[in-house]
Amino acid sequence: MSKVQKLSSIYFQWDQNGNISHSTQHYFNFDKYQQTDGLLLSVVLLISGQLGILKPEFGLYISNRILNFLRNPKITPDPIKNPLNSVQVDLIQSERTVICTFHPSYLNSGTMPPEEAVSRLLGNLPPYLYQQLDIHNRYDAELFRFFKVGLLAVIDYYLTDALPKGISSGFFSKIRFKQMKVQFEMLKFTESFFPYWKGGLNLPETEFYSRLEKTQQHFKGIYKKHYSL
């Protein structure tokens, strides 16, 4: 067995209103539970990695969308305009962890800045995946719980650690823009994330909503201090 192997490739497309569709190519014989598990994991890893790349205003947009989703998964999609046209996501296993790579496809022209389009896509993916699940099926319900806890862990780390550290260190200043340092923080977190997912991300409901409330307060504090008009 090779040290690094591609597990799946997921292809996302959408219309101008942000309504997503997808297809998947698996490189191993996965059962339905494993296929769903891989799809949900790939989006958690994708969001985690991209939060370190996008500018803070777009990271906060994604954070707000996901925090709202965790309270009510039936949120409506936001429009996604060109030039972002489609996305391929690869789920890759190495010896110790699982990573996700992101391959966007752009058109030559469009009406929305690429970063904004990517952030809209990332904000639309969780409610789209929720629509693909049968919550009355106990396996889907279990995976959805893991998915929610995984998303909360990612957003909480971004808002309480990676982003504040980047702001306090001046990484986003026009004079010495060092977004890459925040990217490294999120990538380190992302690479350490998979063992927890594999072990089962499950919190009692009361603890989940308590952590969600604290993370929401972190979001409000950062937004009010640095980005409110």
C-alpha atoms as a PDB file:
ATOM      1  CA  MET A   1       0.000   0.000   0.000  1.00  0.00           C
ATOM      2  CA  SER A   2       1.394   3.404  -0.934  1.00  0.00           C
ATOM      3  CA  LYS A   3       1.992   5.988   1.763  1.00  0.00           C
ATOM      4  CA  VAL A   4      -0.280   8.523   0.054  1.00  0.00           C
ATOM      5  CA  GLN A   5      -3.425   7.495  -1.802  1.00  0.00           C
ATOM      6  CA  LYS A   6      -6.394   9.310  -3.242  1.00  0.00           C
ATOM      7  CA  LEU A   7      -9.663   8.072  -1.749  1.00  0.00           C
ATOM      8  CA  SER A   8     -12.271  10.072  -3.646  1.00  0.00           C
ATOM      9  CA  SER A   9     -12.753  13.010  -5.996  1.00  0.00           C
ATOM     10  CA  ILE A  10     -15.862  15.148  -5.550  1.00  0.00           C
ATOM     11  CA  TYR A  11     -17.053  17.532  -8.258  1.00  0.00           C
ATOM     12  CA  PHE A  12     -19.279  20.438  -7.249  1.00  0.00           C
ATOM     13  CA  GLN A  13     -21.299  22.629  -9.593  1.00  0.00           C
ATOM     14  CA  TRP A  14     -24.064  25.182  -8.965  1.00  0.00           C
ATOM     15  CA  ASP A  15     -26.433  27.578 -10.635  1.00  0.00           C
ATOM     16  CA  GLN A  16     -26.399  31.367 -10.313  1.00  0.00           C
ATOM     17  CA  ASN A  17     -28.665  31.142  -7.262  1.00  0.00           C
ATOM     18  CA  GLY A  18     -26.133  28.985  -5.432  1.00  0.00           C
ATOM     19  CA  ASN A  19     -28.049  25.696  -5.718  1.00  0.00           C
ATOM     20  CA  ILE A  20     -25.361  23.006  -5.660  1.00  0.00           C
ATOM     21  CA  SER A  21     -25.130  19.576  -7.287  1.00  0.00           C
ATOM     22  CA  HIS A  22     -22.274  17.108  -7.107  1.00  0.00           C
ATOM     23  CA  SER A  23     -20.872  13.843  -8.408  1.00  0.00           C
ATOM     24  CA  THR A  24     -18.236  11.612  -6.834  1.00  0.00           C
ATOM     25  CA  GLN A  25     -15.582   9.242  -8.098  1.00  0.00           C
ATOM     26  CA  HIS A  26     -14.361   6.680  -5.538  1.00  0.00           C
ATOM     27  CA  TYR A  27     -11.054   4.894  -5.972  1.00  0.00           C
ATOM     28  CA  PHE A  28     -11.870   2.091  -3.505  1.00  0.00           C
ATOM     29  CA  ASN A  29     -14.973   0.003  -2.805  1.00  0.00           C
ATOM     30  CA  PHE A  30     -16.683   2.027  -0.088  1.00  0.00           C
ATOM     31  CA  ASP A  31     -20.094   1.161   1.318  1.00  0.00           C
ATOM     32  CA  LYS A  32     -22.803   3.823   1.558  1.00  0.00           C
ATOM     33  CA  TYR A  33     -21.873   4.798   5.116  1.00  0.00           C
ATOM     34  CA  GLN A  34     -18.220   5.260   4.152  1.00  0.00           C
ATOM     35  CA  GLN A  35     -19.176   7.283   1.068  1.00  0.00           C
ATOM     36  CA  THR A  36     -21.320   9.661   3.124  1.00  0.00           C
ATOM     37  CA  ASP A  37     -18.679   9.827   5.826  1.00  0.00           C
ATOM     38  CA  GLY A  38     -16.022  10.786   3.264  1.00  0.00           C
ATOM     39  CA  LEU A  39     -18.234  13.446   1.689  1.00  0.00           C
ATOM     40  CA  LEU A  40     -18.949  15.130   5.019  1.00  0.00           C
ATOM     41  CA  LEU A  41     -15.335  14.874   6.157  1.00  0.00           C
ATOM     42  CA  SER A  42     -14.083  16.385   2.901  1.00  0.00           C
ATOM     43  CA  VAL A  43     -16.226  19.500   3.391  1.00  0.00           C
ATOM     44  CA  VAL A  44     -15.091  19.945   7.008  1.00  0.00           C
ATOM     45  CA  LEU A  45     -11.448  19.673   5.928  1.00  0.00           C
ATOM     46  CA  LEU A  46     -12.041  21.930   2.925  1.00  0.00           C
ATOM     47  CA  ILE A  47     -13.596  24.692   5.027  1.00  0.00           C
ATOM     48  CA  SER A  48     -10.825  24.420   7.608  1.00  0.00           C
ATOM     49  CA  GLY A  49      -8.091  24.738   5.005  1.00  0.00           C
ATOM     50  CA  GLN A  50      -9.714  27.574   3.075  1.00  0.00           C
ATOM     51  CA  LEU A  51     -10.353  29.642   6.211  1.00  0.00           C
ATOM     52  CA  GLY A  52      -6.600  30.010   6.484  1.00  0.00           C
ATOM     53  CA  ILE A  53      -6.307  31.229   2.900  1.00  0.00           C
ATOM     54  CA  LEU A  54      -9.184  33.684   2.570  1.00  0.00           C
ATOM     55  CA  LYS A  55      -9.053  37.251   3.854  1.00  0.00           C
ATOM     56  CA  PRO A  56     -10.618  37.753   7.300  1.00  0.00           C
ATOM     57  CA  GLU A  57     -13.796  39.404   5.998  1.00  0.00           C
ATOM     58  CA  PHE A  58     -14.553  36.299   3.931  1.00  0.00           C
ATOM     59  CA  GLY A  59     -13.548  33.986   6.765  1.00  0.00           C
ATOM     60  CA  LEU A  60     -15.991  35.795   9.018  1.00  0.00           C
ATOM     61  CA  TYR A  61     -18.714  35.513   6.377  1.00  0.00           C
ATOM     62  CA  ILE A  62     -18.183  31.732   6.273  1.00  0.00           C
ATOM     63  CA  SER A  63     -18.081  31.535  10.066  1.00  0.00           C
ATOM     64  CA  ASN A  64     -21.376  33.389  10.372  1.00  0.00           C
ATOM     65  CA  ARG A  65     -23.040  31.192   7.744  1.00  0.00           C
ATOM     66  CA  ILE A  66     -21.926  28.008   9.471  1.00  0.00           C
ATOM     67  CA  LEU A  67     -22.868  29.198  12.948  1.00  0.00           C
ATOM     68  CA  ASN A  68     -26.350  29.975  11.598  1.00  0.00           C
ATOM     69  CA  PHE A  69     -26.426  26.555   9.924  1.00  0.00           C
ATOM     70  CA  LEU A  70     -25.573  24.829  13.214  1.00  0.00           C
ATOM     71  CA  ARG A  71     -28.637  26.438  14.755  1.00  0.00           C
ATOM     72  CA  ASN A  72     -30.893  25.856  11.753  1.00  0.00           C
ATOM     73  CA  PRO A  73     -29.605  23.605   8.941  1.00  0.00           C
ATOM     74  CA  LYS A  74     -32.361  24.676   6.553  1.00  0.00           C
ATOM     75  CA  ILE A  75     -30.795  27.969   5.503  1.00  0.00           C
ATOM     76  CA  THR A  76     -31.167  29.161   1.940  1.00  0.00           C
ATOM     77  CA  PRO A  77     -28.133  29.338  -0.385  1.00  0.00           C
ATOM     78  CA  ASP A  78     -26.461  32.603  -1.271  1.00  0.00           C
ATOM     79  CA  PRO A  79     -25.945  33.366  -4.992  1.00  0.00           C
ATOM     80  CA  ILE A  80     -22.596  32.428  -6.549  1.00  0.00           C
ATOM     81  CA  LYS A  81     -21.624  34.425  -9.615  1.00  0.00           C
ATOM     82  CA  ASN A  82     -18.883  33.878 -12.176  1.00  0.00           C
ATOM     83  CA  PRO A  83     -15.898  33.669 -12.551  1.00  0.00           C
ATOM     84  CA  LEU A  84     -15.887  30.635 -10.213  1.00  0.00           C
ATOM     85  CA  ASN A  85     -17.339  27.908 -12.404  1.00  0.00           C
ATOM     86  CA  SER A  86     -16.843  24.535 -10.713  1.00  0.00           C
ATOM     87  CA  VAL A  87     -14.715  22.860  -8.058  1.00  0.00           C
ATOM     88  CA  GLN A  88     -12.986  19.513  -7.664  1.00  0.00           C
ATOM     89  CA  VAL A  89     -12.166  18.319  -4.157  1.00  0.00           C
ATOM     90  CA  ASP A  90      -9.850  15.353  -3.597  1.00  0.00           C
ATOM     91  CA  LEU A  91      -9.824  13.383  -0.356  1.00  0.00           C
ATOM     92  CA  ILE A  92      -6.344  11.968   0.188  1.00  0.00           C
ATOM     93  CA  GLN A  93      -5.071   9.593   2.876  1.00  0.00           C
ATOM     94  CA  SER A  94      -1.501   9.681   4.097  1.00  0.00           C
ATOM     95  CA  GLU A  95       0.045   7.487   6.771  1.00  0.00           C
ATOM     96  CA  ARG A  96      -1.284   9.435   9.721  1.00  0.00           C
ATOM     97  CA  THR A  97      -4.098  11.655   8.533  1.00  0.00           C
ATOM     98  CA  VAL A  98      -6.524  12.577   5.760  1.00  0.00           C
ATOM     99  CA  ILE A  99      -6.240  15.819   3.821  1.00  0.00           C
ATOM    100  CA  CYS A 100      -8.407  17.577   1.277  1.00  0.00           C
ATOM    101  CA  THR A 101      -7.191  19.412  -1.828  1.00  0.00           C
ATOM    102  CA  PHE A 102      -9.142  22.146  -3.582  1.00  0.00           C
ATOM    103  CA  HIS A 103      -9.125  22.655  -7.364  1.00  0.00           C
ATOM    104  CA  PRO A 104     -11.336  25.566  -8.492  1.00  0.00           C
ATOM    105  CA  SER A 105     -12.137  26.221 -12.148  1.00  0.00           C
ATOM    106  CA  TYR A 106     -12.567  29.838 -13.249  1.00  0.00           C
ATOM    107  CA  LEU A 107     -14.032  31.493 -16.319  1.00  0.00           C
ATOM    108  CA  ASN A 108     -12.251  34.356 -18.032  1.00  0.00           C
ATOM    109  CA  SER A 109     -14.685  36.944 -16.714  1.00  0.00           C
ATOM    110  CA  GLY A 110     -17.321  37.388 -14.051  1.00  0.00           C
ATOM    111  CA  THR A 111     -19.198  39.762 -11.770  1.00  0.00           C
ATOM    112  CA  MET A 112     -18.004  38.502  -8.364  1.00  0.00           C
ATOM    113  CA  PRO A 113     -14.468  38.566  -6.929  1.00  0.00           C
ATOM    114  CA  PRO A 114     -13.069  34.989  -6.820  1.00  0.00           C
ATOM    115  CA  GLU A 115     -12.582  35.069  -3.021  1.00  0.00           C
ATOM    116  CA  GLU A 116     -16.183  36.096  -2.504  1.00  0.00           C
ATOM    117  CA  ALA A 117     -17.417  33.350  -4.814  1.00  0.00           C
ATOM    118  CA  VAL A 118     -15.339  30.739  -2.950  1.00  0.00           C
ATOM    119  CA  SER A 119     -16.654  31.959   0.395  1.00  0.00           C
ATOM    120  CA  ARG A 120     -20.244  31.761  -0.909  1.00  0.00           C
ATOM    121  CA  LEU A 121     -19.620  28.175  -2.038  1.00  0.00           C
ATOM    122  CA  LEU A 122     -18.160  27.166   1.331  1.00  0.00           C
ATOM    123  CA  GLY A 123     -21.091  28.772   3.128  1.00  0.00           C
ATOM    124  CA  ASN A 124     -23.573  26.918   0.909  1.00  0.00           C
ATOM    125  CA  LEU A 125     -21.996  23.463   1.176  1.00  0.00           C
ATOM    126  CA  PRO A 126     -23.132  22.467   4.711  1.00  0.00           C
ATOM    127  CA  PRO A 127     -26.876  23.081   4.090  1.00  0.00           C
ATOM    128  CA  TYR A 128     -26.552  21.349   0.718  1.00  0.00           C
ATOM    129  CA  LEU A 129     -25.060  18.246   2.339  1.00  0.00           C
ATOM    130  CA  TYR A 130     -27.760  18.301   5.000  1.00  0.00           C
ATOM    131  CA  GLN A 131     -30.333  18.033   2.200  1.00  0.00           C
ATOM    132  CA  GLN A 132     -28.572  14.898   0.927  1.00  0.00           C
ATOM    133  CA  LEU A 133     -28.966  13.080   4.254  1.00  0.00           C
ATOM    134  CA  ASP A 134     -31.872  11.020   5.532  1.00  0.00           C
ATOM    135  CA  ILE A 135     -31.940  12.219   9.127  1.00  0.00           C
ATOM    136  CA  HIS A 136     -34.481   9.513   9.989  1.00  0.00           C
ATOM    137  CA  ASN A 137     -31.810   6.936   9.130  1.00  0.00           C
ATOM    138  CA  ARG A 138     -29.732   6.324  12.257  1.00  0.00           C
ATOM    139  CA  TYR A 139     -26.450   6.118  10.320  1.00  0.00           C
ATOM    140  CA  ASP A 140     -27.048   9.416   8.538  1.00  0.00           C
ATOM    141  CA  ALA A 141     -28.176  10.971  11.813  1.00  0.00           C
ATOM    142  CA  GLU A 142     -24.968   9.796  13.482  1.00  0.00           C
ATOM    143  CA  LEU A 143     -22.799  11.192  10.693  1.00  0.00           C
ATOM    144  CA  PHE A 144     -24.689  14.487  10.790  1.00  0.00           C
ATOM    145  CA  ARG A 145     -23.854  14.806  14.510  1.00  0.00           C
ATOM    146  CA  PHE A 146     -20.182  14.228  13.725  1.00  0.00           C
ATOM    147  CA  PHE A 147     -20.431  16.757  10.886  1.00  0.00           C
ATOM    148  CA  LYS A 148     -21.893  19.443  13.135  1.00  0.00           C
ATOM    149  CA  VAL A 149     -19.305  18.928  15.865  1.00  0.00           C
ATOM    150  CA  GLY A 150     -16.541  18.930  13.267  1.00  0.00           C
ATOM    151  CA  LEU A 151     -17.739  22.217  11.776  1.00  0.00           C
ATOM    152  CA  LEU A 152     -18.057  23.770  15.220  1.00  0.00           C
ATOM    153  CA  ALA A 153     -14.515  22.676  16.122  1.00  0.00           C
ATOM    154  CA  VAL A 154     -13.144  24.260  12.938  1.00  0.00           C
ATOM    155  CA  ILE A 155     -14.992  27.559  13.342  1.00  0.00           C
ATOM    156  CA  ASP A 156     -14.157  27.741  17.039  1.00  0.00           C
ATOM    157  CA  TYR A 157     -10.428  27.231  16.379  1.00  0.00           C
ATOM    158  CA  TYR A 158     -10.452  29.830  13.627  1.00  0.00           C
ATOM    159  CA  LEU A 159     -12.260  32.442  15.736  1.00  0.00           C
ATOM    160  CA  THR A 160     -10.484  31.823  19.043  1.00  0.00           C
ATOM    161  CA  ASP A 161      -6.964  31.011  17.890  1.00  0.00           C
ATOM    162  CA  ALA A 162      -5.886  31.404  14.249  1.00  0.00           C
ATOM    163  CA  LEU A 163      -7.713  34.631  13.363  1.00  0.00           C
ATOM    164  CA  PRO A 164      -7.097  36.565  16.628  1.00  0.00           C
ATOM    165  CA  LYS A 165      -3.429  35.555  16.506  1.00  0.00           C
ATOM    166  CA  GLY A 166      -3.224  36.822  12.936  1.00  0.00           C
ATOM    167  CA  ILE A 167      -4.917  40.122  13.806  1.00  0.00           C
ATOM    168  CA  SER A 168      -2.830  40.780  16.942  1.00  0.00           C
ATOM    169  CA  SER A 169       0.393  39.997  15.062  1.00  0.00           C
ATOM    170  CA  GLY A 170      -0.507  42.386  12.260  1.00  0.00           C
ATOM    171  CA  PHE A 171      -0.540  39.644   9.635  1.00  0.00           C
ATOM    172  CA  PHE A 172      -3.339  41.392   7.718  1.00  0.00           C
ATOM    173  CA  SER A 173      -1.839  44.870   7.614  1.00  0.00           C
ATOM    174  CA  LYS A 174      -1.189  46.370   4.190  1.00  0.00           C
ATOM    175  CA  ILE A 175       2.455  46.927   5.127  1.00  0.00           C
ATOM    176  CA  ARG A 176       3.325  43.333   6.012  1.00  0.00           C
ATOM    177  CA  PHE A 177       0.525  41.093   4.830  1.00  0.00           C
ATOM    178  CA  LYS A 178       1.356  37.568   6.036  1.00  0.00           C
ATOM    179  CA  GLN A 179      -1.821  35.578   5.445  1.00  0.00           C
ATOM    180  CA  MET A 180       0.351  32.479   4.943  1.00  0.00           C
ATOM    181  CA  LYS A 181       1.080  32.329   8.667  1.00  0.00           C
ATOM    182  CA  VAL A 182      -2.650  32.035   9.389  1.00  0.00           C
ATOM    183  CA  GLN A 183      -2.908  29.444   6.628  1.00  0.00           C
ATOM    184  CA  PHE A 184      -0.213  27.368   8.337  1.00  0.00           C
ATOM    185  CA  GLU A 185      -2.104  27.581  11.628  1.00  0.00           C
ATOM    186  CA  MET A 186      -5.294  26.280  10.028  1.00  0.00           C
ATOM    187  CA  LEU A 187      -3.451  23.593   8.044  1.00  0.00           C
ATOM    188  CA  LYS A 188      -1.789  22.278  11.207  1.00  0.00           C
ATOM    189  CA  PHE A 189      -5.192  22.133  12.861  1.00  0.00           C
ATOM    190  CA  THR A 190      -6.722  20.460   9.801  1.00  0.00           C
ATOM    191  CA  GLU A 191      -4.031  17.777   9.662  1.00  0.00           C
ATOM    192  CA  SER A 192      -4.533  16.972  13.348  1.00  0.00           C
ATOM    193  CA  PHE A 193      -8.306  16.848  12.959  1.00  0.00           C
ATOM    194  CA  PHE A 194      -8.842  13.464  11.288  1.00  0.00           C
ATOM    195  CA  PRO A 195      -8.002  11.212  14.282  1.00  0.00           C
ATOM    196  CA  TYR A 196     -10.781  12.906  16.242  1.00  0.00           C
ATOM    197  CA  TRP A 197     -13.222  12.410  13.383  1.00  0.00           C
ATOM    198  CA  LYS A 198     -12.245   8.747  13.093  1.00  0.00           C
ATOM    199  CA  GLY A 199     -12.831   8.288  16.821  1.00  0.00           C
ATOM    200  CA  GLY A 200     -16.310   9.738  16.577  1.00  0.00           C
ATOM    201  CA  LEU A 201     -17.084  13.406  17.127  1.00  0.00           C
ATOM    202  CA  ASN A 202     -20.009  13.272  19.456  1.00  0.00           C
ATOM    203  CA  LEU A 203     -20.980  15.767  22.137  1.00  0.00           C
ATOM    204  CA  PRO A 204     -24.019  15.703  24.401  1.00  0.00           C
ATOM    205  CA  GLU A 205     -26.567  18.113  22.991  1.00  0.00           C
ATOM    206  CA  THR A 206     -26.358  20.499  25.945  1.00  0.00           C
ATOM    207  CA  GLU A 207     -22.562  20.727  25.673  1.00  0.00           C
ATOM    208  CA  PHE A 208     -22.748  21.216  21.907  1.00  0.00           C
ATOM    209  CA  TYR A 209     -25.091  24.190  22.204  1.00  0.00           C
ATOM    210  CA  SER A 210     -23.079  25.620  25.085  1.00  0.00           C
ATOM    211  CA  ARG A 211     -19.947  25.574  22.912  1.00  0.00           C
ATOM    212  CA  LEU A 212     -21.911  26.941  19.985  1.00  0.00           C
ATOM    213  CA  GLU A 213     -23.061  29.893  22.086  1.00  0.00           C
ATOM    214  CA  LYS A 214     -19.487  30.629  23.209  1.00  0.00           C
ATOM    215  CA  THR A 215     -18.224  30.468  19.635  1.00  0.00           C
ATOM    216  CA  GLN A 216     -21.042  32.792  18.537  1.00  0.00           C
ATOM    217  CA  GLN A 217     -19.915  35.289  21.157  1.00  0.00           C
ATOM    218  CA  HIS A 218     -16.329  35.086  19.889  1.00  0.00           C
ATOM    219  CA  PHE A 219     -17.610  35.843  16.393  1.00  0.00           C
ATOM    220  CA  LYS A 220     -19.614  38.846  17.551  1.00  0.00           C
ATOM    221  CA  GLY A 221     -16.665  40.200  19.519  1.00  0.00           C
ATOM    222  CA  ILE A 222     -14.216  39.959  16.614  1.00  0.00           C
ATOM    223  CA  TYR A 223     -16.672  41.341  14.077  1.00  0.00           C
ATOM    224  CA  LYS A 224     -17.682  44.274  16.258  1.00  0.00           C
ATOM    225  CA  LYS A 225     -14.094  45.172  17.127  1.00  0.00           C
ATOM    226  CA  HIS A 226     -12.491  44.866  13.702  1.00  0.00           C
ATOM    227  CA  TYR A 227     -15.086  44.759  10.921  1.00  0.00           C
ATOM    228  CA  SER A 228     -18.330  46.495  11.893  1.00  0.00           C
ATOM    229  CA  LEU A 229     -19.113  49.674  10.011  1.00  0.00           C
END
